Amino acid sequence: MTRKKKTRSLADKVTIRTGRRKDYKKWRHDNPDQVAPSRRFVAKKQQQRKLQAVRKLARQQSGQDIAIHADKGANKSPGDDS
Protein backbone atom coordinates (compact mmCIF):
# COMPACT_ATOMS: atom_id res chain seq x y z
CA MET A 1 0.00 0.00 0.00
CA THR A 2 1.39 3.37 -0.97
CA ARG A 3 1.17 6.24 1.39
CA LYS A 4 -0.03 9.69 0.47
CA LYS A 5 2.74 12.19 -0.12
CA LYS A 6 2.96 14.99 2.42
CA THR A 7 2.85 18.53 1.16
CA ARG A 8 4.47 21.43 2.86
CA SER A 9 2.08 23.99 1.44
CA LEU A 10 -1.59 24.13 2.31
CA ALA A 11 -2.24 26.94 -0.19
CA ASP A 12 -3.69 24.60 -2.82
CA LYS A 13 -5.91 22.83 -0.32
CA VAL A 14 -7.53 25.97 1.09
CA THR A 15 -11.07 26.55 -0.13
CA ILE A 16 -11.98 29.59 1.96
CA ARG A 17 -10.58 33.08 1.81
CA THR A 18 -7.75 33.48 4.27
CA GLY A 19 -5.22 36.25 4.57
CA ARG A 20 -2.79 34.62 2.18
CA ARG A 21 -2.05 36.27 -1.15
CA LYS A 22 -2.71 33.22 -3.33
CA ASP A 23 -6.04 32.59 -1.64
CA TYR A 24 -7.03 36.22 -2.02
CA LYS A 25 -6.14 36.20 -5.72
CA LYS A 26 -8.30 33.10 -6.22
CA TRP A 27 -11.19 34.64 -4.27
CA ARG A 28 -10.88 37.88 -6.27
CA HIS A 29 -10.95 35.91 -9.52
CA ASP A 30 -14.02 33.97 -8.42
CA ASN A 31 -15.92 37.04 -7.11
CA PRO A 32 -15.29 39.97 -9.45
CA ASP A 33 -18.53 41.72 -8.45
CA GLN A 34 -17.43 42.03 -4.80
CA VAL A 35 -14.06 43.56 -5.66
CA ALA A 36 -14.01 47.33 -5.83
CA PRO A 37 -11.59 49.98 -4.61
CA SER A 38 -12.53 51.90 -1.48
CA ARG A 39 -13.99 55.40 -1.75
CA ARG A 40 -10.96 56.77 0.06
CA PHE A 41 -8.59 55.22 -2.50
CA VAL A 42 -10.67 56.50 -5.43
CA ALA A 43 -10.73 60.02 -3.97
CA LYS A 44 -6.99 59.91 -3.36
CA LYS A 45 -6.27 58.85 -6.93
CA GLN A 46 -8.59 61.51 -8.36
CA GLN A 47 -6.77 64.15 -6.34
CA GLN A 48 -3.39 62.84 -7.52
CA ARG A 49 -4.53 62.97 -11.16
CA LYS A 50 -5.77 66.54 -10.79
CA LEU A 51 -2.50 67.61 -9.19
CA GLN A 52 -0.53 65.84 -11.91
CA ALA A 53 -2.54 67.62 -14.62
CA VAL A 54 -1.95 71.01 -12.97
CA ARG A 55 1.80 70.35 -12.77
CA LYS A 56 1.93 69.21 -16.40
CA LEU A 57 0.09 72.32 -17.55
CA ALA A 58 2.44 74.53 -15.53
CA ARG A 59 5.47 72.79 -17.09
CA GLN A 60 4.06 73.23 -20.59
CA GLN A 61 3.36 76.93 -20.06
CA SER A 62 6.72 77.68 -18.45
CA GLY A 63 8.71 75.99 -21.22
CA GLN A 64 10.07 77.83 -24.19
CA ASP A 65 8.24 77.87 -27.48
CA ILE A 66 9.92 76.25 -30.47
CA ALA A 67 8.87 76.47 -34.08
CA ILE A 68 8.63 72.88 -35.25
CA HIS A 69 7.07 73.39 -38.67
CA ALA A 70 8.05 76.94 -39.41
CA ASP A 71 9.08 77.98 -42.92
CA LYS A 72 11.56 75.32 -43.94
CA GLY A 73 14.38 77.64 -45.08
CA ALA A 74 13.92 80.48 -42.56
CA ASN A 75 14.88 78.81 -39.27
CA LYS A 76 17.96 76.81 -40.20
CA SER A 77 20.58 76.46 -37.52
CA PRO A 78 24.26 77.00 -38.44
CA GLY A 79 25.16 73.39 -37.55
CA ASP A 80 22.19 71.85 -39.39
CA ASP A 81 23.27 69.94 -42.53
CA SER A 82 19.91 68.62 -43.70
PDB file of N, CA and C in Angstrom:
ATOM      1  N   MET A   1       0.835  -1.179   0.000  1.00  0.00           N
ATOM      2  CA  MET A   1       0.000   0.000   0.000  1.00  0.00           C
ATOM      3  C   MET A   1       0.885   1.250   0.000  1.00  0.00           C
ATOM      4  N   THR A   2       0.589   2.150  -0.908  1.00  0.00           N
ATOM      5  CA  THR A   2       1.390   3.368  -0.965  1.00  0.00           C
ATOM      6  C   THR A   2       0.788   4.434  -0.065  1.00  0.00           C
ATOM      7  N   ARG A   3       1.666   5.188   0.506  1.00  0.00           N
ATOM      8  CA  ARG A   3       1.167   6.242   1.392  1.00  0.00           C
ATOM      9  C   ARG A   3       1.048   7.555   0.639  1.00  0.00           C
ATOM     10  N   LYS A   4       0.197   8.403   1.119  1.00  0.00           N
ATOM     11  CA  LYS A   4      -0.027   9.690   0.471  1.00  0.00           C
ATOM     12  C   LYS A   4       1.143  10.625   0.746  1.00  0.00           C
ATOM     13  N   LYS A   5       1.609  11.290  -0.272  1.00  0.00           N
ATOM     14  CA  LYS A   5       2.741  12.189  -0.122  1.00  0.00           C
ATOM     15  C   LYS A   5       2.350  13.420   0.690  1.00  0.00           C
ATOM     16  N   LYS A   6       3.215  13.796   1.611  1.00  0.00           N
ATOM     17  CA  LYS A   6       2.959  14.985   2.422  1.00  0.00           C
ATOM     18  C   LYS A   6       3.303  16.230   1.616  1.00  0.00           C
ATOM     19  N   THR A   7       2.531  17.254   1.810  1.00  0.00           N
ATOM     20  CA  THR A   7       2.852  18.526   1.155  1.00  0.00           C
ATOM     21  C   THR A   7       3.170  19.547   2.218  1.00  0.00           C
ATOM     22  N   ARG A   8       4.115  20.379   1.915  1.00  0.00           N
ATOM     23  CA  ARG A   8       4.469  21.431   2.861  1.00  0.00           C
ATOM     24  C   ARG A   8       3.467  22.582   2.798  1.00  0.00           C
ATOM     25  N   SER A   9       2.952  22.841   1.621  1.00  0.00           N
ATOM     26  CA  SER A   9       2.081  23.995   1.442  1.00  0.00           C
ATOM     27  C   SER A   9       0.613  23.596   1.508  1.00  0.00           C
ATOM     28  N   LEU A  10      -0.145  24.363   2.237  1.00  0.00           N
ATOM     29  CA  LEU A  10      -1.585  24.135   2.310  1.00  0.00           C
ATOM     30  C   LEU A  10      -2.338  25.066   1.361  1.00  0.00           C
ATOM     31  N   ALA A  11      -1.608  25.911   0.641  1.00  0.00           N
ATOM     32  CA  ALA A  11      -2.238  26.938  -0.187  1.00  0.00           C
ATOM     33  C   ALA A  11      -3.183  26.354  -1.224  1.00  0.00           C
ATOM     34  N   ASP A  12      -2.832  25.198  -1.798  1.00  0.00           N
ATOM     35  CA  ASP A  12      -3.692  24.600  -2.821  1.00  0.00           C
ATOM     36  C   ASP A  12      -4.913  23.911  -2.217  1.00  0.00           C
ATOM     37  N   LYS A  13      -4.819  23.546  -0.957  1.00  0.00           N
ATOM     38  CA  LYS A  13      -5.913  22.834  -0.317  1.00  0.00           C
ATOM     39  C   LYS A  13      -6.983  23.765   0.247  1.00  0.00           C
ATOM     40  N   VAL A  14      -6.625  25.032   0.439  1.00  0.00           N
ATOM     41  CA  VAL A  14      -7.534  25.970   1.087  1.00  0.00           C
ATOM     42  C   VAL A  14      -8.693  26.309   0.156  1.00  0.00           C
ATOM     43  N   THR A  15      -9.893  26.232   0.680  1.00  0.00           N
ATOM     44  CA  THR A  15     -11.070  26.554  -0.133  1.00  0.00           C
ATOM     45  C   THR A  15     -11.756  27.832   0.329  1.00  0.00           C
ATOM     46  N   ILE A  16     -11.367  28.342   1.487  1.00  0.00           N
ATOM     47  CA  ILE A  16     -11.978  29.586   1.962  1.00  0.00           C
ATOM     48  C   ILE A  16     -10.967  30.717   1.842  1.00  0.00           C
ATOM     49  N   ARG A  17     -11.465  31.930   1.916  1.00  0.00           N
ATOM     50  CA  ARG A  17     -10.580  33.081   1.808  1.00  0.00           C
ATOM     51  C   ARG A  17      -9.864  33.299   3.130  1.00  0.00           C
ATOM     52  N   THR A  18      -8.564  33.194   3.089  1.00  0.00           N
ATOM     53  CA  THR A  18      -7.751  33.478   4.269  1.00  0.00           C
ATOM     54  C   THR A  18      -6.987  34.760   3.995  1.00  0.00           C
ATOM     55  N   GLY A  19      -6.006  35.042   4.785  1.00  0.00           N
ATOM     56  CA  GLY A  19      -5.223  36.250   4.572  1.00  0.00           C
ATOM     57  C   GLY A  19      -4.102  36.064   3.580  1.00  0.00           C
ATOM     58  N   ARG A  20      -3.935  34.877   3.056  1.00  0.00           N
ATOM     59  CA  ARG A  20      -2.795  34.625   2.178  1.00  0.00           C
ATOM     60  C   ARG A  20      -3.024  35.178   0.778  1.00  0.00           C
ATOM     61  N   ARG A  21      -1.967  35.594   0.144  1.00  0.00           N
ATOM     62  CA  ARG A  21      -2.053  36.265  -1.147  1.00  0.00           C
ATOM     63  C   ARG A  21      -2.657  35.372  -2.235  1.00  0.00           C
ATOM     64  N   LYS A  22      -2.221  34.129  -2.291  1.00  0.00           N
ATOM     65  CA  LYS A  22      -2.711  33.223  -3.332  1.00  0.00           C
ATOM     66  C   LYS A  22      -4.205  32.966  -3.170  1.00  0.00           C
ATOM     67  N   ASP A  23      -4.626  32.808  -1.916  1.00  0.00           N
ATOM     68  CA  ASP A  23      -6.041  32.586  -1.645  1.00  0.00           C
ATOM     69  C   ASP A  23      -6.865  33.812  -2.019  1.00  0.00           C
ATOM     70  N   TYR A  24      -6.317  34.978  -1.709  1.00  0.00           N
ATOM     71  CA  TYR A  24      -7.033  36.217  -2.015  1.00  0.00           C
ATOM     72  C   TYR A  24      -7.151  36.399  -3.527  1.00  0.00           C
ATOM     73  N   LYS A  25      -6.088  36.094  -4.260  1.00  0.00           N
ATOM     74  CA  LYS A  25      -6.139  36.197  -5.719  1.00  0.00           C
ATOM     75  C   LYS A  25      -7.209  35.274  -6.298  1.00  0.00           C
ATOM     76  N   LYS A  26      -7.293  34.057  -5.746  1.00  0.00           N
ATOM     77  CA  LYS A  26      -8.303  33.105  -6.224  1.00  0.00           C
ATOM     78  C   LYS A  26      -9.709  33.612  -5.896  1.00  0.00           C
ATOM     79  N   TRP A  27      -9.878  34.117  -4.668  1.00  0.00           N
ATOM     80  CA  TRP A  27     -11.187  34.642  -4.266  1.00  0.00           C
ATOM     81  C   TRP A  27     -11.577  35.829  -5.142  1.00  0.00           C
ATOM     82  N   ARG A  28     -10.620  36.708  -5.431  1.00  0.00           N
ATOM     83  CA  ARG A  28     -10.879  37.880  -6.266  1.00  0.00           C
ATOM     84  C   ARG A  28     -11.278  37.468  -7.676  1.00  0.00           C
ATOM     85  N   HIS A  29     -10.626  36.414  -8.181  1.00  0.00           N
ATOM     86  CA  HIS A  29     -10.946  35.915  -9.516  1.00  0.00           C
ATOM     87  C   HIS A  29     -12.341  35.301  -9.556  1.00  0.00           C
ATOM     88  N   ASP A  30     -12.711  34.622  -8.481  1.00  0.00           N
ATOM     89  CA  ASP A  30     -14.024  33.966  -8.419  1.00  0.00           C
ATOM     90  C   ASP A  30     -15.164  34.937  -8.149  1.00  0.00           C
ATOM     91  N   ASN A  31     -14.880  36.078  -7.500  1.00  0.00           N
ATOM     92  CA  ASN A  31     -15.918  37.037  -7.111  1.00  0.00           C
ATOM     93  C   ASN A  31     -15.612  38.441  -7.628  1.00  0.00           C
ATOM     94  N   PRO A  32     -15.661  38.647  -8.934  1.00  0.00           N
ATOM     95  CA  PRO A  32     -15.291  39.968  -9.453  1.00  0.00           C
ATOM     96  C   PRO A  32     -16.278  41.073  -9.066  1.00  0.00           C
ATOM     97  N   ASP A  33     -17.525  40.697  -8.779  1.00  0.00           N
ATOM     98  CA  ASP A  33     -18.526  41.717  -8.446  1.00  0.00           C
ATOM     99  C   ASP A  33     -18.325  42.281  -7.041  1.00  0.00           C
ATOM    100  N   GLN A  34     -17.653  41.556  -6.167  1.00  0.00           N
ATOM    101  CA  GLN A  34     -17.435  42.030  -4.805  1.00  0.00           C
ATOM    102  C   GLN A  34     -16.146  42.822  -4.660  1.00  0.00           C
ATOM    103  N   VAL A  35     -15.350  42.880  -5.726  1.00  0.00           N
ATOM    104  CA  VAL A  35     -14.061  43.555  -5.656  1.00  0.00           C
ATOM    105  C   VAL A  35     -14.210  44.958  -6.222  1.00  0.00           C
ATOM    106  N   ALA A  36     -13.973  45.945  -5.385  1.00  0.00           N
ATOM    107  CA  ALA A  36     -14.007  47.335  -5.825  1.00  0.00           C
ATOM    108  C   ALA A  36     -13.088  48.145  -4.923  1.00  0.00           C
ATOM    109  N   PRO A  37     -12.450  49.165  -5.457  1.00  0.00           N
ATOM    110  CA  PRO A  37     -11.588  49.985  -4.607  1.00  0.00           C
ATOM    111  C   PRO A  37     -12.418  50.797  -3.617  1.00  0.00           C
ATOM    112  N   SER A  38     -11.822  51.134  -2.503  1.00  0.00           N
ATOM    113  CA  SER A  38     -12.533  51.899  -1.484  1.00  0.00           C
ATOM    114  C   SER A  38     -12.734  53.342  -1.955  1.00  0.00           C
ATOM    115  N   ARG A  39     -13.718  54.000  -1.381  1.00  0.00           N
ATOM    116  CA  ARG A  39     -13.986  55.402  -1.748  1.00  0.00           C
ATOM    117  C   ARG A  39     -12.796  56.284  -1.433  1.00  0.00           C
ATOM    118  N   ARG A  40     -12.122  55.976  -0.340  1.00  0.00           N
ATOM    119  CA  ARG A  40     -10.956  56.768   0.056  1.00  0.00           C
ATOM    120  C   ARG A  40      -9.850  56.653  -0.989  1.00  0.00           C
ATOM    121  N   PHE A  41      -9.613  55.436  -1.476  1.00  0.00           N
ATOM    122  CA  PHE A  41      -8.590  55.216  -2.498  1.00  0.00           C
ATOM    123  C   PHE A  41      -8.948  55.933  -3.792  1.00  0.00           C
ATOM    124  N   VAL A  42     -10.221  55.851  -4.196  1.00  0.00           N
ATOM    125  CA  VAL A  42     -10.667  56.496  -5.427  1.00  0.00           C
ATOM    126  C   VAL A  42     -10.490  58.010  -5.319  1.00  0.00           C
ATOM    127  N   ALA A  43     -10.874  58.574  -4.171  1.00  0.00           N
ATOM    128  CA  ALA A  43     -10.732  60.020  -3.970  1.00  0.00           C
ATOM    129  C   ALA A  43      -9.264  60.430  -3.994  1.00  0.00           C
ATOM    130  N   LYS A  44      -8.428  59.620  -3.386  1.00  0.00           N
ATOM    131  CA  LYS A  44      -6.986  59.909  -3.358  1.00  0.00           C
ATOM    132  C   LYS A  44      -6.411  59.920  -4.768  1.00  0.00           C
ATOM    133  N   LYS A  45      -6.786  58.920  -5.563  1.00  0.00           N
ATOM    134  CA  LYS A  45      -6.271  58.845  -6.927  1.00  0.00           C
ATOM    135  C   LYS A  45      -6.793  59.986  -7.794  1.00  0.00           C
ATOM    136  N   GLN A  46      -8.053  60.366  -7.615  1.00  0.00           N
ATOM    137  CA  GLN A  46      -8.589  61.506  -8.361  1.00  0.00           C
ATOM    138  C   GLN A  46      -7.820  62.773  -8.035  1.00  0.00           C
ATOM    139  N   GLN A  47      -7.528  62.972  -6.751  1.00  0.00           N
ATOM    140  CA  GLN A  47      -6.772  64.147  -6.336  1.00  0.00           C
ATOM    141  C   GLN A  47      -5.368  64.126  -6.930  1.00  0.00           C
ATOM    142  N   GLN A  48      -4.735  62.957  -6.946  1.00  0.00           N
ATOM    143  CA  GLN A  48      -3.395  62.838  -7.523  1.00  0.00           C
ATOM    144  C   GLN A  48      -3.407  63.163  -9.014  1.00  0.00           C
ATOM    145  N   ARG A  49      -4.441  62.699  -9.721  1.00  0.00           N
ATOM    146  CA  ARG A  49      -4.527  62.968 -11.162  1.00  0.00           C
ATOM    147  C   ARG A  49      -4.726  64.447 -11.435  1.00  0.00           C
ATOM    148  N   LYS A  50      -5.559  65.100 -10.627  1.00  0.00           N
ATOM    149  CA  LYS A  50      -5.775  66.543 -10.792  1.00  0.00           C
ATOM    150  C   LYS A  50      -4.479  67.305 -10.562  1.00  0.00           C
ATOM    151  N   LEU A  51      -3.762  66.952  -9.506  1.00  0.00           N
ATOM    152  CA  LEU A  51      -2.498  67.610  -9.192  1.00  0.00           C
ATOM    153  C   LEU A  51      -1.473  67.380 -10.295  1.00  0.00           C
ATOM    154  N   GLN A  52      -1.453  66.165 -10.823  1.00  0.00           N
ATOM    155  CA  GLN A  52      -0.535  65.844 -11.912  1.00  0.00           C
ATOM    156  C   GLN A  52      -0.854  66.673 -13.156  1.00  0.00           C
ATOM    157  N   ALA A  53      -2.142  66.834 -13.455  1.00  0.00           N
ATOM    158  CA  ALA A  53      -2.543  67.622 -14.624  1.00  0.00           C
ATOM    159  C   ALA A  53      -2.154  69.081 -14.453  1.00  0.00           C
ATOM    160  N   VAL A  54      -2.318  69.621 -13.240  1.00  0.00           N
ATOM    161  CA  VAL A  54      -1.949  71.010 -12.973  1.00  0.00           C
ATOM    162  C   VAL A  54      -0.451  71.203 -13.153  1.00  0.00           C
ATOM    163  N   ARG A  55       0.341  70.253 -12.634  1.00  0.00           N
ATOM    164  CA  ARG A  55       1.798  70.348 -12.772  1.00  0.00           C
ATOM    165  C   ARG A  55       2.230  70.252 -14.234  1.00  0.00           C
ATOM    166  N   LYS A  56       1.585  69.364 -14.988  1.00  0.00           N
ATOM    167  CA  LYS A  56       1.929  69.211 -16.401  1.00  0.00           C
ATOM    168  C   LYS A  56       1.623  70.490 -17.169  1.00  0.00           C
ATOM    169  N   LEU A  57       0.469  71.079 -16.889  1.00  0.00           N
ATOM    170  CA  LEU A  57       0.090  72.322 -17.554  1.00  0.00           C
ATOM    171  C   LEU A  57       1.066  73.440 -17.206  1.00  0.00           C
ATOM    172  N   ALA A  58       1.483  73.510 -15.953  1.00  0.00           N
ATOM    173  CA  ALA A  58       2.444  74.527 -15.533  1.00  0.00           C
ATOM    174  C   ALA A  58       3.783  74.329 -16.241  1.00  0.00           C
ATOM    175  N   ARG A  59       4.217  73.070 -16.375  1.00  0.00           N
ATOM    176  CA  ARG A  59       5.470  72.790 -17.095  1.00  0.00           C
ATOM    177  C   ARG A  59       5.370  73.204 -18.553  1.00  0.00           C
ATOM    178  N   GLN A  60       4.234  72.898 -19.178  1.00  0.00           N
ATOM    179  CA  GLN A  60       4.063  73.234 -20.587  1.00  0.00           C
ATOM    180  C   GLN A  60       4.068  74.745 -20.802  1.00  0.00           C
ATOM    181  N   GLN A  61       3.440  75.479 -19.900  1.00  0.00           N
ATOM    182  CA  GLN A  61       3.358  76.928 -20.065  1.00  0.00           C
ATOM    183  C   GLN A  61       4.677  77.618 -19.735  1.00  0.00           C
ATOM    184  N   SER A  62       5.466  77.041 -18.827  1.00  0.00           N
ATOM    185  CA  SER A  62       6.724  77.678 -18.447  1.00  0.00           C
ATOM    186  C   SER A  62       7.849  77.355 -19.428  1.00  0.00           C
ATOM    187  N   GLY A  63       7.674  76.359 -20.266  1.00  0.00           N
ATOM    188  CA  GLY A  63       8.711  75.990 -21.219  1.00  0.00           C
ATOM    189  C   GLY A  63       8.791  76.981 -22.360  1.00  0.00           C
ATOM    190  N   GLN A  64       9.901  76.905 -23.072  1.00  0.00           N
ATOM    191  CA  GLN A  64      10.074  77.831 -24.192  1.00  0.00           C
ATOM    192  C   GLN A  64       9.372  77.310 -25.437  1.00  0.00           C
ATOM    193  N   ASP A  65       8.913  78.230 -26.246  1.00  0.00           N
ATOM    194  CA  ASP A  65       8.235  77.869 -27.485  1.00  0.00           C
ATOM    195  C   ASP A  65       9.275  77.589 -28.571  1.00  0.00           C
ATOM    196  N   ILE A  66       9.046  76.539 -29.340  1.00  0.00           N
ATOM    197  CA  ILE A  66       9.924  76.247 -30.469  1.00  0.00           C
ATOM    198  C   ILE A  66       9.063  76.108 -31.713  1.00  0.00           C
ATOM    199  N   ALA A  67       9.601  76.557 -32.818  1.00  0.00           N
ATOM    200  CA  ALA A  67       8.874  76.472 -34.078  1.00  0.00           C
ATOM    201  C   ALA A  67       9.240  75.147 -34.733  1.00  0.00           C
ATOM    202  N   ILE A  68       8.335  74.209 -34.704  1.00  0.00           N
ATOM    203  CA  ILE A  68       8.629  72.885 -35.252  1.00  0.00           C
ATOM    204  C   ILE A  68       8.456  72.876 -36.765  1.00  0.00           C
ATOM    205  N   HIS A  69       7.336  73.397 -37.234  1.00  0.00           N
ATOM    206  CA  HIS A  69       7.070  73.393 -38.671  1.00  0.00           C
ATOM    207  C   HIS A  69       7.009  74.820 -39.199  1.00  0.00           C
ATOM    208  N   ALA A  70       7.995  75.582 -38.869  1.00  0.00           N
ATOM    209  CA  ALA A  70       8.054  76.939 -39.410  1.00  0.00           C
ATOM    210  C   ALA A  70       8.489  76.847 -40.874  1.00  0.00           C
ATOM    211  N   ASP A  71       8.616  77.999 -41.522  1.00  0.00           N
ATOM    212  CA  ASP A  71       9.080  77.978 -42.918  1.00  0.00           C
ATOM    213  C   ASP A  71      10.386  77.197 -43.000  1.00  0.00           C
ATOM    214  N   LYS A  72      10.461  76.275 -43.922  1.00  0.00           N
ATOM    215  CA  LYS A  72      11.565  75.323 -43.938  1.00  0.00           C
ATOM    216  C   LYS A  72      12.941  75.967 -44.110  1.00  0.00           C
ATOM    217  N   GLY A  73      13.076  77.032 -44.860  1.00  0.00           N
ATOM    218  CA  GLY A  73      14.383  77.644 -45.077  1.00  0.00           C
ATOM    219  C   GLY A  73      14.691  78.754 -44.094  1.00  0.00           C
ATOM    220  N   ALA A  74      13.719  79.294 -43.392  1.00  0.00           N
ATOM    221  CA  ALA A  74      13.920  80.482 -42.556  1.00  0.00           C
ATOM    222  C   ALA A  74      14.631  80.181 -41.245  1.00  0.00           C
ATOM    223  N   ASN A  75      14.341  79.068 -40.605  1.00  0.00           N
ATOM    224  CA  ASN A  75      14.876  78.809 -39.269  1.00  0.00           C
ATOM    225  C   ASN A  75      15.969  77.748 -39.268  1.00  0.00           C
ATOM    226  N   LYS A  76      16.876  77.800 -40.181  1.00  0.00           N
ATOM    227  CA  LYS A  76      17.955  76.808 -40.205  1.00  0.00           C
ATOM    228  C   LYS A  76      19.031  77.198 -39.211  1.00  0.00           C
ATOM    229  N   SER A  77      19.490  76.229 -38.444  1.00  0.00           N
ATOM    230  CA  SER A  77      20.579  76.459 -37.518  1.00  0.00           C
ATOM    231  C   SER A  77      21.897  76.391 -38.268  1.00  0.00           C
ATOM    232  N   PRO A  78      22.956  77.056 -37.746  1.00  0.00           N
ATOM    233  CA  PRO A  78      24.258  77.001 -38.437  1.00  0.00           C
ATOM    234  C   PRO A  78      24.829  75.587 -38.510  1.00  0.00           C
ATOM    235  N   GLY A  79      24.594  74.739 -37.548  1.00  0.00           N
ATOM    236  CA  GLY A  79      25.159  73.393 -37.554  1.00  0.00           C
ATOM    237  C   GLY A  79      24.267  72.365 -38.224  1.00  0.00           C
ATOM    238  N   ASP A  80      23.137  72.776 -38.781  1.00  0.00           N
ATOM    239  CA  ASP A  80      22.191  71.848 -39.385  1.00  0.00           C
ATOM    240  C   ASP A  80      22.567  71.560 -40.833  1.00  0.00           C
ATOM    241  N   ASP A  81      22.840  70.310 -41.169  1.00  0.00           N
ATOM    242  CA  ASP A  81      23.266  69.943 -42.525  1.00  0.00           C
ATOM    243  C   ASP A  81      22.196  69.163 -43.269  1.00  0.00           C
ATOM    244  N   SER A  82      20.924  69.394 -43.014  1.00  0.00           N
ATOM    245  CA  SER A  82      19.907  68.624 -43.703  1.00  0.00           C
ATOM    246  C   SER A  82      19.527  69.213 -45.027  1.00  0.00           C
TER     247      SER A  82
END
